[in-house]
Amino acid sequence: MSKIKAHLDNIVLSHTVFALPFSYIGAILASGGMPTGREFFWITLAMVGARSAAMALNNCIDLKYDKLQPRFANRPMVTGAVKPWEAILLTLASLGLFVWAAANLHPLCLQLAPLAILPLVIYPYMKRFSWTCHLVLGLALSIAPIGSWVAIRGDLTMPIILLGLAVGVWIASFDAIYGCQDVAFDKKNGLHSMPVHFGIPRTLLICKVMHMLSIIGFFLVGQLMNMHGIYYAGVILAGFVLIYQHSIVTPTDFRLVTQAYFMRNGLVSIALLVFTVISILA
């Protein structure tokens, strides 16, 4: 049981709250109602597989740097609770689960699976080369709603592309804020990020603009999909969460960028999912 817990901690299963709700939103919008139980089942397995593979691979590739970062001293791979070969094995098994799930959804899903996997594999290496690493993470997360839409409809239209972009900008901005804590470490180890490239004050300003664009994107999705007015209550709530998150961070004080801060961002996706469901059922 301790080994299982170590692997769950290694892939930070609780952080599924960021992507899975948006995946369900994509499925609900594609269906114009509630998807079937079968569709929900395979979409959930695909999400769990893709995300588990991404996290296990990322922690394995970054282990060299994680061992040098005091903030990550208790991570399972740093402590040795999870061995590199175990993480690689979990990555392969999770990718297998993702492909299996894709094969049980719309035929286009299996054809596009390599494109979905690509940003998951590229992201761990991006900090070594470019400050756009946050944008690649955003691209990886944007696939959650887009993939679920394709899983049901087998096409791409403007509303789901816009939702994917809004999700990608949202998570990229948050990741950049989180990275502001590591500027000194990143500079010392030759790593790249928005805070390293632009400086912390400018990065926080850019993130505010990005989050504003994200909320505008969520609003426009509602317009294009002719959503019930209740949907916009979720967008407004998500906006207030982001305003609060920005209000407790300054260029010189990141004490409140904790696990609670991290999880609070999950309220954005949960709020939008809840109000999307209510809107569809209204």
C-alpha atoms as a PDB file:
ATOM      1  CA  MET A   1       0.000   0.000   0.000  1.00  0.00           C
ATOM      2  CA  SER A   2       2.867   2.371   0.746  1.00  0.00           C
ATOM      3  CA  LYS A   3       4.257   1.791  -2.746  1.00  0.00           C
ATOM      4  CA  ILE A   4       0.872   2.527  -4.316  1.00  0.00           C
ATOM      5  CA  LYS A   5       0.569   5.702  -2.243  1.00  0.00           C
ATOM      6  CA  ALA A   6       4.057   6.761  -3.336  1.00  0.00           C
ATOM      7  CA  HIS A   7       3.109   6.397  -6.995  1.00  0.00           C
ATOM      8  CA  LEU A   8      -0.160   8.283  -6.463  1.00  0.00           C
ATOM      9  CA  ASP A   9       1.798  11.055  -4.760  1.00  0.00           C
ATOM     10  CA  ASN A  10       4.332  11.021  -7.572  1.00  0.00           C
ATOM     11  CA  ILE A  11       1.685  11.700 -10.207  1.00  0.00           C
ATOM     12  CA  VAL A  12      -0.172  14.026  -7.790  1.00  0.00           C
ATOM     13  CA  LEU A  13      -3.529  12.391  -8.488  1.00  0.00           C
ATOM     14  CA  SER A  14      -5.408  15.208  -6.714  1.00  0.00           C
ATOM     15  CA  HIS A  15      -4.306  17.636  -9.434  1.00  0.00           C
ATOM     16  CA  THR A  16      -6.550  15.803 -11.885  1.00  0.00           C
ATOM     17  CA  VAL A  17      -9.046  18.450 -10.759  1.00  0.00           C
ATOM     18  CA  PHE A  18      -7.411  20.873 -13.206  1.00  0.00           C
ATOM     19  CA  ALA A  19      -7.986  18.970 -16.446  1.00  0.00           C
ATOM     20  CA  LEU A  20     -10.743  16.389 -15.883  1.00  0.00           C
ATOM     21  CA  PRO A  21     -13.609  18.901 -15.376  1.00  0.00           C
ATOM     22  CA  PHE A  22     -12.680  20.650 -18.620  1.00  0.00           C
ATOM     23  CA  SER A  23     -12.618  17.271 -20.343  1.00  0.00           C
ATOM     24  CA  TYR A  24     -16.153  16.631 -19.137  1.00  0.00           C
ATOM     25  CA  ILE A  25     -17.210  20.122 -20.253  1.00  0.00           C
ATOM     26  CA  GLY A  26     -15.950  19.345 -23.749  1.00  0.00           C
ATOM     27  CA  ALA A  27     -17.925  16.091 -23.760  1.00  0.00           C
ATOM     28  CA  ILE A  28     -21.113  17.774 -22.504  1.00  0.00           C
ATOM     29  CA  LEU A  29     -20.913  20.557 -25.069  1.00  0.00           C
ATOM     30  CA  ALA A  30     -20.252  18.055 -27.857  1.00  0.00           C
ATOM     31  CA  SER A  31     -23.273  15.992 -26.825  1.00  0.00           C
ATOM     32  CA  GLY A  32     -25.571  18.960 -26.344  1.00  0.00           C
ATOM     33  CA  GLY A  33     -26.522  17.226 -23.109  1.00  0.00           C
ATOM     34  CA  MET A  34     -25.120  14.501 -20.911  1.00  0.00           C
ATOM     35  CA  PRO A  35     -22.892  11.956 -22.706  1.00  0.00           C
ATOM     36  CA  THR A  36     -23.591   8.256 -22.279  1.00  0.00           C
ATOM     37  CA  GLY A  37     -22.066   6.321 -19.411  1.00  0.00           C
ATOM     38  CA  ARG A  38     -19.848   4.499 -21.891  1.00  0.00           C
ATOM     39  CA  GLU A  39     -18.509   7.771 -23.286  1.00  0.00           C
ATOM     40  CA  PHE A  40     -17.848   9.130 -19.794  1.00  0.00           C
ATOM     41  CA  PHE A  41     -16.050   5.914 -18.843  1.00  0.00           C
ATOM     42  CA  TRP A  42     -13.620   5.876 -21.776  1.00  0.00           C
ATOM     43  CA  ILE A  43     -13.031   9.630 -21.675  1.00  0.00           C
ATOM     44  CA  THR A  44     -12.172   9.351 -17.978  1.00  0.00           C
ATOM     45  CA  LEU A  45      -9.762   6.478 -18.625  1.00  0.00           C
ATOM     46  CA  ALA A  46      -8.133   8.415 -21.450  1.00  0.00           C
ATOM     47  CA  MET A  47      -7.654  11.433 -19.183  1.00  0.00           C
ATOM     48  CA  VAL A  48      -6.276   9.380 -16.291  1.00  0.00           C
ATOM     49  CA  GLY A  49      -3.897   7.576 -18.640  1.00  0.00           C
ATOM     50  CA  ALA A  50      -2.611  10.707 -20.382  1.00  0.00           C
ATOM     51  CA  ARG A  51      -2.188  12.714 -17.190  1.00  0.00           C
ATOM     52  CA  SER A  52      -0.529   9.869 -15.245  1.00  0.00           C
ATOM     53  CA  ALA A  53       1.913   9.311 -18.089  1.00  0.00           C
ATOM     54  CA  ALA A  54       2.701  13.027 -18.290  1.00  0.00           C
ATOM     55  CA  MET A  55       3.367  13.409 -14.562  1.00  0.00           C
ATOM     56  CA  ALA A  56       5.415  10.224 -14.193  1.00  0.00           C
ATOM     57  CA  LEU A  57       7.523  11.118 -17.220  1.00  0.00           C
ATOM     58  CA  ASN A  58       7.978  14.720 -16.115  1.00  0.00           C
ATOM     59  CA  ASN A  59       9.154  13.719 -12.640  1.00  0.00           C
ATOM     60  CA  CYS A  60      11.523  11.142 -14.095  1.00  0.00           C
ATOM     61  CA  ILE A  61      13.087  13.569 -16.590  1.00  0.00           C
ATOM     62  CA  ASP A  62      13.340  16.378 -14.005  1.00  0.00           C
ATOM     63  CA  LEU A  63      14.740  14.186 -11.230  1.00  0.00           C
ATOM     64  CA  LYS A  64      18.230  15.636 -11.700  1.00  0.00           C
ATOM     65  CA  TYR A  65      16.944  19.116 -10.875  1.00  0.00           C
ATOM     66  CA  ASP A  66      14.345  18.067  -8.314  1.00  0.00           C
ATOM     67  CA  LYS A  67      17.119  16.587  -6.165  1.00  0.00           C
ATOM     68  CA  LEU A  68      18.763  20.024  -6.051  1.00  0.00           C
ATOM     69  CA  GLN A  69      15.549  21.925  -5.233  1.00  0.00           C
ATOM     70  CA  PRO A  70      14.885  22.063  -1.453  1.00  0.00           C
ATOM     71  CA  ARG A  71      11.168  22.654  -2.099  1.00  0.00           C
ATOM     72  CA  PHE A  72      10.938  19.200  -3.694  1.00  0.00           C
ATOM     73  CA  ALA A  73      12.839  17.302  -1.009  1.00  0.00           C
ATOM     74  CA  ASN A  74       9.802  15.175  -0.099  1.00  0.00           C
ATOM     75  CA  ARG A  75       8.831  14.155  -3.601  1.00  0.00           C
ATOM     76  CA  PRO A  76       8.642  10.334  -3.895  1.00  0.00           C
ATOM     77  CA  MET A  77      11.296  10.090  -6.610  1.00  0.00           C
ATOM     78  CA  VAL A  78      13.637  12.386  -4.674  1.00  0.00           C
ATOM     79  CA  THR A  79      13.295  10.336  -1.489  1.00  0.00           C
ATOM     80  CA  GLY A  80      13.668   7.090  -3.423  1.00  0.00           C
ATOM     81  CA  ALA A  81      10.160   5.849  -2.620  1.00  0.00           C
ATOM     82  CA  VAL A  82       9.608   5.617  -6.384  1.00  0.00           C
ATOM     83  CA  LYS A  83      12.460   4.359  -8.549  1.00  0.00           C
ATOM     84  CA  PRO A  84      13.121   5.777 -12.040  1.00  0.00           C
ATOM     85  CA  TRP A  85      12.441   2.406 -13.678  1.00  0.00           C
ATOM     86  CA  GLU A  86       9.108   2.245 -11.869  1.00  0.00           C
ATOM     87  CA  ALA A  87       8.168   5.699 -13.146  1.00  0.00           C
ATOM     88  CA  ILE A  88       9.097   4.682 -16.696  1.00  0.00           C
ATOM     89  CA  LEU A  89       7.042   1.501 -16.394  1.00  0.00           C
ATOM     90  CA  LEU A  90       4.057   3.511 -15.114  1.00  0.00           C
ATOM     91  CA  THR A  91       4.493   5.956 -18.001  1.00  0.00           C
ATOM     92  CA  LEU A  92       4.350   3.172 -20.581  1.00  0.00           C
ATOM     93  CA  ALA A  93       1.378   1.506 -18.879  1.00  0.00           C
ATOM     94  CA  SER A  94      -0.465   4.838 -18.662  1.00  0.00           C
ATOM     95  CA  LEU A  95       0.188   5.589 -22.331  1.00  0.00           C
ATOM     96  CA  GLY A  96      -1.146   2.141 -23.138  1.00  0.00           C
ATOM     97  CA  LEU A  97      -4.285   2.928 -21.146  1.00  0.00           C
ATOM     98  CA  PHE A  98      -4.683   6.208 -23.035  1.00  0.00           C
ATOM     99  CA  VAL A  99      -4.361   4.543 -26.440  1.00  0.00           C
ATOM    100  CA  TRP A 100      -6.757   1.755 -25.409  1.00  0.00           C
ATOM    101  CA  ALA A 101      -9.330   4.298 -24.294  1.00  0.00           C
ATOM    102  CA  ALA A 102      -8.879   6.334 -27.496  1.00  0.00           C
ATOM    103  CA  ALA A 103      -9.508   3.190 -29.534  1.00  0.00           C
ATOM    104  CA  ASN A 104     -12.884   2.819 -27.833  1.00  0.00           C
ATOM    105  CA  LEU A 105     -14.042   6.328 -28.685  1.00  0.00           C
ATOM    106  CA  HIS A 106     -14.529   8.014 -32.064  1.00  0.00           C
ATOM    107  CA  PRO A 107     -12.103   6.540 -34.676  1.00  0.00           C
ATOM    108  CA  LEU A 108     -10.483   9.956 -35.118  1.00  0.00           C
ATOM    109  CA  CYS A 109      -9.265   9.807 -31.502  1.00  0.00           C
ATOM    110  CA  LEU A 110      -6.896   6.939 -32.176  1.00  0.00           C
ATOM    111  CA  GLN A 111      -5.610   8.624 -35.324  1.00  0.00           C
ATOM    112  CA  LEU A 112      -4.876  11.840 -33.420  1.00  0.00           C
ATOM    113  CA  ALA A 113      -3.485  10.123 -30.297  1.00  0.00           C
ATOM    114  CA  PRO A 114       0.182  10.749 -31.286  1.00  0.00           C
ATOM    115  CA  LEU A 115      -0.534  14.494 -31.560  1.00  0.00           C
ATOM    116  CA  ALA A 116      -2.089  14.452 -28.092  1.00  0.00           C
ATOM    117  CA  ILE A 117       0.919  12.654 -26.634  1.00  0.00           C
ATOM    118  CA  LEU A 118       3.512  14.927 -28.282  1.00  0.00           C
ATOM    119  CA  PRO A 119       3.227  17.966 -25.941  1.00  0.00           C
ATOM    120  CA  LEU A 120       3.214  15.633 -22.924  1.00  0.00           C
ATOM    121  CA  VAL A 121       6.609  14.302 -23.997  1.00  0.00           C
ATOM    122  CA  ILE A 122       8.057  17.660 -25.071  1.00  0.00           C
ATOM    123  CA  TYR A 123       7.039  19.673 -22.008  1.00  0.00           C
ATOM    124  CA  PRO A 124       9.566  18.211 -19.494  1.00  0.00           C
ATOM    125  CA  TYR A 125      12.438  19.301 -21.752  1.00  0.00           C
ATOM    126  CA  MET A 126      11.186  22.802 -22.553  1.00  0.00           C
ATOM    127  CA  LYS A 127      12.641  24.541 -19.473  1.00  0.00           C
ATOM    128  CA  ARG A 128      16.056  23.544 -20.728  1.00  0.00           C
ATOM    129  CA  PHE A 129      15.578  25.533 -23.942  1.00  0.00           C
ATOM    130  CA  SER A 130      12.830  28.155 -23.830  1.00  0.00           C
ATOM    131  CA  TRP A 131      10.678  30.373 -21.620  1.00  0.00           C
ATOM    132  CA  THR A 132       7.689  29.122 -23.645  1.00  0.00           C
ATOM    133  CA  CYS A 133       7.612  25.995 -21.467  1.00  0.00           C
ATOM    134  CA  HIS A 134       4.460  27.316 -19.756  1.00  0.00           C
ATOM    135  CA  LEU A 135       2.724  27.632 -23.112  1.00  0.00           C
ATOM    136  CA  VAL A 136       3.560  24.024 -23.981  1.00  0.00           C
ATOM    137  CA  LEU A 137       1.994  22.943 -20.689  1.00  0.00           C
ATOM    138  CA  GLY A 138      -1.045  25.004 -21.622  1.00  0.00           C
ATOM    139  CA  LEU A 139      -1.146  23.257 -25.004  1.00  0.00           C
ATOM    140  CA  ALA A 140      -1.074  19.874 -23.272  1.00  0.00           C
ATOM    141  CA  LEU A 141      -4.008  20.835 -21.022  1.00  0.00           C
ATOM    142  CA  SER A 142      -5.962  22.376 -23.896  1.00  0.00           C
ATOM    143  CA  ILE A 143      -6.266  18.891 -25.359  1.00  0.00           C
ATOM    144  CA  ALA A 144      -8.550  17.864 -22.461  1.00  0.00           C
ATOM    145  CA  PRO A 145     -11.744  19.579 -23.692  1.00  0.00           C
ATOM    146  CA  ILE A 146     -10.804  19.334 -27.370  1.00  0.00           C
ATOM    147  CA  GLY A 147     -10.103  15.606 -27.112  1.00  0.00           C
ATOM    148  CA  SER A 148     -13.434  14.933 -25.410  1.00  0.00           C
ATOM    149  CA  TRP A 149     -15.271  16.886 -28.100  1.00  0.00           C
ATOM    150  CA  VAL A 150     -13.547  14.855 -30.816  1.00  0.00           C
ATOM    151  CA  ALA A 151     -14.277  11.664 -28.875  1.00  0.00           C
ATOM    152  CA  ILE A 152     -17.997  12.280 -29.313  1.00  0.00           C
ATOM    153  CA  ARG A 153     -18.407  14.313 -32.504  1.00  0.00           C
ATOM    154  CA  GLY A 154     -15.288  13.536 -34.494  1.00  0.00           C
ATOM    155  CA  ASP A 155     -14.833  17.118 -35.680  1.00  0.00           C
ATOM    156  CA  LEU A 156     -13.475  20.498 -34.603  1.00  0.00           C
ATOM    157  CA  THR A 157     -15.471  23.729 -34.521  1.00  0.00           C
ATOM    158  CA  MET A 158     -14.737  27.223 -33.272  1.00  0.00           C
ATOM    159  CA  PRO A 159     -16.388  26.880 -29.809  1.00  0.00           C
ATOM    160  CA  ILE A 160     -14.245  23.919 -28.741  1.00  0.00           C
ATOM    161  CA  ILE A 161     -11.065  25.410 -30.213  1.00  0.00           C
ATOM    162  CA  LEU A 162     -11.795  28.584 -28.243  1.00  0.00           C
ATOM    163  CA  LEU A 163     -12.445  26.582 -25.079  1.00  0.00           C
ATOM    164  CA  GLY A 164      -9.153  24.731 -25.560  1.00  0.00           C
ATOM    165  CA  LEU A 165      -7.298  28.026 -25.978  1.00  0.00           C
ATOM    166  CA  ALA A 166      -8.967  29.485 -22.874  1.00  0.00           C
ATOM    167  CA  VAL A 167      -7.969  26.438 -20.833  1.00  0.00           C
ATOM    168  CA  GLY A 168      -4.415  26.520 -22.202  1.00  0.00           C
ATOM    169  CA  VAL A 169      -3.950  30.216 -21.415  1.00  0.00           C
ATOM    170  CA  TRP A 170      -5.428  29.712 -17.934  1.00  0.00           C
ATOM    171  CA  ILE A 171      -3.033  26.913 -16.938  1.00  0.00           C
ATOM    172  CA  ALA A 172       0.006  28.486 -18.655  1.00  0.00           C
ATOM    173  CA  SER A 173      -0.519  31.686 -16.691  1.00  0.00           C
ATOM    174  CA  PHE A 174      -0.875  29.870 -13.407  1.00  0.00           C
ATOM    175  CA  ASP A 175       2.230  27.783 -14.117  1.00  0.00           C
ATOM    176  CA  ALA A 176       4.207  30.972 -14.795  1.00  0.00           C
ATOM    177  CA  ILE A 177       3.075  32.431 -11.451  1.00  0.00           C
ATOM    178  CA  TYR A 178       4.123  29.237  -9.711  1.00  0.00           C
ATOM    179  CA  GLY A 179       7.483  29.439 -11.466  1.00  0.00           C
ATOM    180  CA  CYS A 180       8.185  32.886 -10.005  1.00  0.00           C
ATOM    181  CA  GLN A 181       9.288  31.119  -6.812  1.00  0.00           C
ATOM    182  CA  ASP A 182      12.109  29.388  -8.667  1.00  0.00           C
ATOM    183  CA  VAL A 183      13.810  32.279 -10.474  1.00  0.00           C
ATOM    184  CA  ALA A 184      17.042  32.097  -8.473  1.00  0.00           C
ATOM    185  CA  PHE A 185      17.172  28.303  -8.772  1.00  0.00           C
ATOM    186  CA  ASP A 186      16.410  28.375 -12.504  1.00  0.00           C
ATOM    187  CA  LYS A 187      19.062  30.994 -13.227  1.00  0.00           C
ATOM    188  CA  LYS A 188      21.655  29.058 -11.236  1.00  0.00           C
ATOM    189  CA  ASN A 189      20.901  25.855 -13.151  1.00  0.00           C
ATOM    190  CA  GLY A 190      20.505  27.392 -16.606  1.00  0.00           C
ATOM    191  CA  LEU A 191      16.758  26.742 -16.818  1.00  0.00           C
ATOM    192  CA  HIS A 192      14.284  28.945 -18.685  1.00  0.00           C
ATOM    193  CA  SER A 193      10.897  30.356 -17.722  1.00  0.00           C
ATOM    194  CA  MET A 194       8.789  33.465 -18.181  1.00  0.00           C
ATOM    195  CA  PRO A 195       9.957  34.910 -14.828  1.00  0.00           C
ATOM    196  CA  VAL A 196      13.598  34.344 -15.794  1.00  0.00           C
ATOM    197  CA  HIS A 197      13.082  35.873 -19.252  1.00  0.00           C
ATOM    198  CA  PHE A 198      10.761  38.788 -18.448  1.00  0.00           C
ATOM    199  CA  GLY A 199      11.392  39.314 -14.746  1.00  0.00           C
ATOM    200  CA  ILE A 200       8.845  38.673 -11.993  1.00  0.00           C
ATOM    201  CA  PRO A 201       6.894  41.992 -12.126  1.00  0.00           C
ATOM    202  CA  ARG A 202       6.368  41.802 -15.892  1.00  0.00           C
ATOM    203  CA  THR A 203       5.496  38.106 -15.685  1.00  0.00           C
ATOM    204  CA  LEU A 204       2.781  38.769 -13.112  1.00  0.00           C
ATOM    205  CA  LEU A 205       1.380  41.510 -15.335  1.00  0.00           C
ATOM    206  CA  ILE A 206       1.417  39.211 -18.371  1.00  0.00           C
ATOM    207  CA  CYS A 207      -0.325  36.528 -16.315  1.00  0.00           C
ATOM    208  CA  LYS A 208      -3.091  38.938 -15.344  1.00  0.00           C
ATOM    209  CA  VAL A 209      -3.677  39.716 -19.018  1.00  0.00           C
ATOM    210  CA  MET A 210      -3.599  36.013 -19.900  1.00  0.00           C
ATOM    211  CA  HIS A 211      -6.139  35.174 -17.219  1.00  0.00           C
ATOM    212  CA  MET A 212      -8.346  38.007 -18.438  1.00  0.00           C
ATOM    213  CA  LEU A 213      -8.185  36.533 -21.943  1.00  0.00           C
ATOM    214  CA  SER A 214      -9.042  33.137 -20.505  1.00  0.00           C
ATOM    215  CA  ILE A 215     -12.218  34.442 -18.845  1.00  0.00           C
ATOM    216  CA  ILE A 216     -13.172  36.253 -22.063  1.00  0.00           C
ATOM    217  CA  GLY A 217     -12.669  32.953 -23.884  1.00  0.00           C
ATOM    218  CA  PHE A 218     -14.985  31.105 -21.486  1.00  0.00           C
ATOM    219  CA  PHE A 219     -17.588  33.840 -21.985  1.00  0.00           C
ATOM    220  CA  LEU A 220     -17.362  33.624 -25.779  1.00  0.00           C
ATOM    221  CA  VAL A 221     -17.763  29.846 -25.667  1.00  0.00           C
ATOM    222  CA  GLY A 222     -21.072  30.403 -23.887  1.00  0.00           C
ATOM    223  CA  GLN A 223     -22.117  32.841 -26.571  1.00  0.00           C
ATOM    224  CA  LEU A 224     -21.190  30.540 -29.453  1.00  0.00           C
ATOM    225  CA  MET A 225     -22.899  27.549 -27.823  1.00  0.00           C
ATOM    226  CA  ASN A 226     -26.003  29.550 -26.867  1.00  0.00           C
ATOM    227  CA  MET A 227     -25.601  28.536 -23.220  1.00  0.00           C
ATOM    228  CA  HIS A 228     -28.255  29.285 -20.614  1.00  0.00           C
ATOM    229  CA  GLY A 229     -27.629  32.375 -18.493  1.00  0.00           C
ATOM    230  CA  ILE A 230     -26.666  30.230 -15.487  1.00  0.00           C
ATOM    231  CA  TYR A 231     -23.466  29.220 -17.309  1.00  0.00           C
ATOM    232  CA  TYR A 232     -22.178  32.773 -17.027  1.00  0.00           C
ATOM    233  CA  ALA A 233     -22.497  32.628 -13.242  1.00  0.00           C
ATOM    234  CA  GLY A 234     -19.784  29.979 -13.385  1.00  0.00           C
ATOM    235  CA  VAL A 235     -17.629  32.200 -15.592  1.00  0.00           C
ATOM    236  CA  ILE A 236     -18.065  35.104 -13.155  1.00  0.00           C
ATOM    237  CA  LEU A 237     -17.222  32.868 -10.183  1.00  0.00           C
ATOM    238  CA  ALA A 238     -14.110  31.631 -11.986  1.00  0.00           C
ATOM    239  CA  GLY A 239     -13.146  35.250 -12.638  1.00  0.00           C
ATOM    240  CA  PHE A 240     -13.442  36.143  -8.953  1.00  0.00           C
ATOM    241  CA  VAL A 241     -11.280  33.157  -8.002  1.00  0.00           C
ATOM    242  CA  LEU A 242      -8.564  34.352 -10.382  1.00  0.00           C
ATOM    243  CA  ILE A 243      -8.827  37.943  -9.111  1.00  0.00           C
ATOM    244  CA  TYR A 244      -8.363  36.702  -5.560  1.00  0.00           C
ATOM    245  CA  GLN A 245      -5.423  34.510  -6.567  1.00  0.00           C
ATOM    246  CA  HIS A 246      -3.664  37.487  -8.120  1.00  0.00           C
ATOM    247  CA  SER A 247      -4.437  39.716  -5.138  1.00  0.00           C
ATOM    248  CA  ILE A 248      -2.466  37.547  -2.702  1.00  0.00           C
ATOM    249  CA  VAL A 249       0.691  37.445  -4.836  1.00  0.00           C
ATOM    250  CA  THR A 250       3.214  40.267  -5.172  1.00  0.00           C
ATOM    251  CA  PRO A 251       6.611  40.409  -6.920  1.00  0.00           C
ATOM    252  CA  THR A 252       8.314  40.105  -3.534  1.00  0.00           C
ATOM    253  CA  ASP A 253       5.960  37.819  -1.605  1.00  0.00           C
ATOM    254  CA  PHE A 254       5.068  34.285  -2.644  1.00  0.00           C
ATOM    255  CA  ARG A 255       4.410  32.901   0.824  1.00  0.00           C
ATOM    256  CA  LEU A 256       0.792  32.167  -0.081  1.00  0.00           C
ATOM    257  CA  VAL A 257       1.688  30.243  -3.248  1.00  0.00           C
ATOM    258  CA  THR A 258       1.165  26.982  -1.380  1.00  0.00           C
ATOM    259  CA  GLN A 259      -0.604  23.712  -2.054  1.00  0.00           C
ATOM    260  CA  ALA A 260      -3.843  25.446  -1.050  1.00  0.00           C
ATOM    261  CA  TYR A 261      -3.157  28.147  -3.653  1.00  0.00           C
ATOM    262  CA  PHE A 262      -2.508  25.441  -6.207  1.00  0.00           C
ATOM    263  CA  MET A 263      -5.716  23.551  -5.442  1.00  0.00           C
ATOM    264  CA  ARG A 264      -7.794  26.738  -5.298  1.00  0.00           C
ATOM    265  CA  ASN A 265      -7.205  27.145  -9.001  1.00  0.00           C
ATOM    266  CA  GLY A 266      -9.079  23.885  -9.414  1.00  0.00           C
ATOM    267  CA  LEU A 267     -12.191  25.773  -8.354  1.00  0.00           C
ATOM    268  CA  VAL A 268     -12.140  27.444 -11.771  1.00  0.00           C
ATOM    269  CA  SER A 269     -12.605  24.177 -13.645  1.00  0.00           C
ATOM    270  CA  ILE A 270     -15.049  22.761 -11.093  1.00  0.00           C
ATOM    271  CA  ALA A 271     -17.181  25.932 -11.112  1.00  0.00           C
ATOM    272  CA  LEU A 272     -17.370  25.927 -14.894  1.00  0.00           C
ATOM    273  CA  LEU A 273     -18.282  22.224 -14.972  1.00  0.00           C
ATOM    274  CA  VAL A 274     -21.044  22.591 -12.375  1.00  0.00           C
ATOM    275  CA  PHE A 275     -22.599  25.599 -14.086  1.00  0.00           C
ATOM    276  CA  THR A 276     -22.228  24.007 -17.513  1.00  0.00           C
ATOM    277  CA  VAL A 277     -24.194  20.969 -16.320  1.00  0.00           C
ATOM    278  CA  ILE A 278     -26.874  23.167 -14.753  1.00  0.00           C
ATOM    279  CA  SER A 279     -27.044  25.230 -17.946  1.00  0.00           C
ATOM    280  CA  ILE A 280     -27.465  22.149 -20.132  1.00  0.00           C
ATOM    281  CA  LEU A 281     -30.152  20.696 -17.885  1.00  0.00           C
ATOM    282  CA  ALA A 282     -32.022  23.992 -17.440  1.00  0.00           C
END
